[in-house]
């Protein structure tokens, strides 16, 4: 099985002061945060998660991991499962790339998923809603074994829904942490449609270029126009737009968003019954299937999509 890089956590790094105001009575000390993890893991068990060793330890010496993803400026990879999206370690200051030739996405990651992954300093300092979501997200990814393009969207649906239920029970449905989680999931579902739409438009544009129907200059002009329009739509959702909106970033995001709407429809079709949705997702076919090409990844995805469509 080919996987391009370790599974990633998307997490905004903020100061410790930022999360203390997220929720009255929210855990603001390291000890309280570690105790909260134990509460989350007990909640996971009730939902049907198998126990993991993630976040059992705190490693304050680990700050963040600097990754970059890059690809041709005239090519839009399928997802993180596509070898055309190249990953490496480094920052903008430490890496030399020809930005006329490549689109790059630089990404500082506070945690890397995997068996026994610790709580890092930046995760410990995350906003409360994000902290809760991340624990559910990464623990879910140890429940299944599929390509990133299936693991990540299922993790988003399961983790946001579980985090909302946990926050509702612990802090109340009117609490800031609950309302923030609910709004973020809503925004992500809206955002997924934008990415899917512009992915298709950009893919068609590059096909015209590679087919000799457009010059490089015309293609770059039309690409810039599409990215500007896409950024405006994302701004309408979030109140801001990504500062690295390019082929590399879009391919990265499509890992999460290509199948996210379908997975949310499964949850909705089952009356938002999370344990039942977890049961369905745990039974997704092709678990552990080896894949060595993008075509094989897409074949696995097709099998899972067919299965999910029959469970709606």
Foldseek 3Di string as FASTA:
>chain_A
DDQQDFDADDADFDALVVQPPLFVVQDSDPVSLLVVLVVLQVLVVVLPFDDALEANAEDAVQAWFKKKWKAFQLDFDQASVAVRTHMDGDDPVGDDDDVVTMQMDIDTGRWTADGNTHQYNRLSSGHPLSNQLVSQLRSQLVLFAAHLLLSQLLSLVLSLLSSLVVCCVPRNCPGSSNVVSVLVVVLLLVLLVLLVVLVVVSNVLSVCVVVVNDDPVVSVVVQVVSQVVSQVSNCVSVVGGDPRPGSSVSNHVSSNRVCNVLLVVLCVVVVVSSSVSSVQSSPQPPTPPDDDHVVVSVVSVVSRSVSSVVND
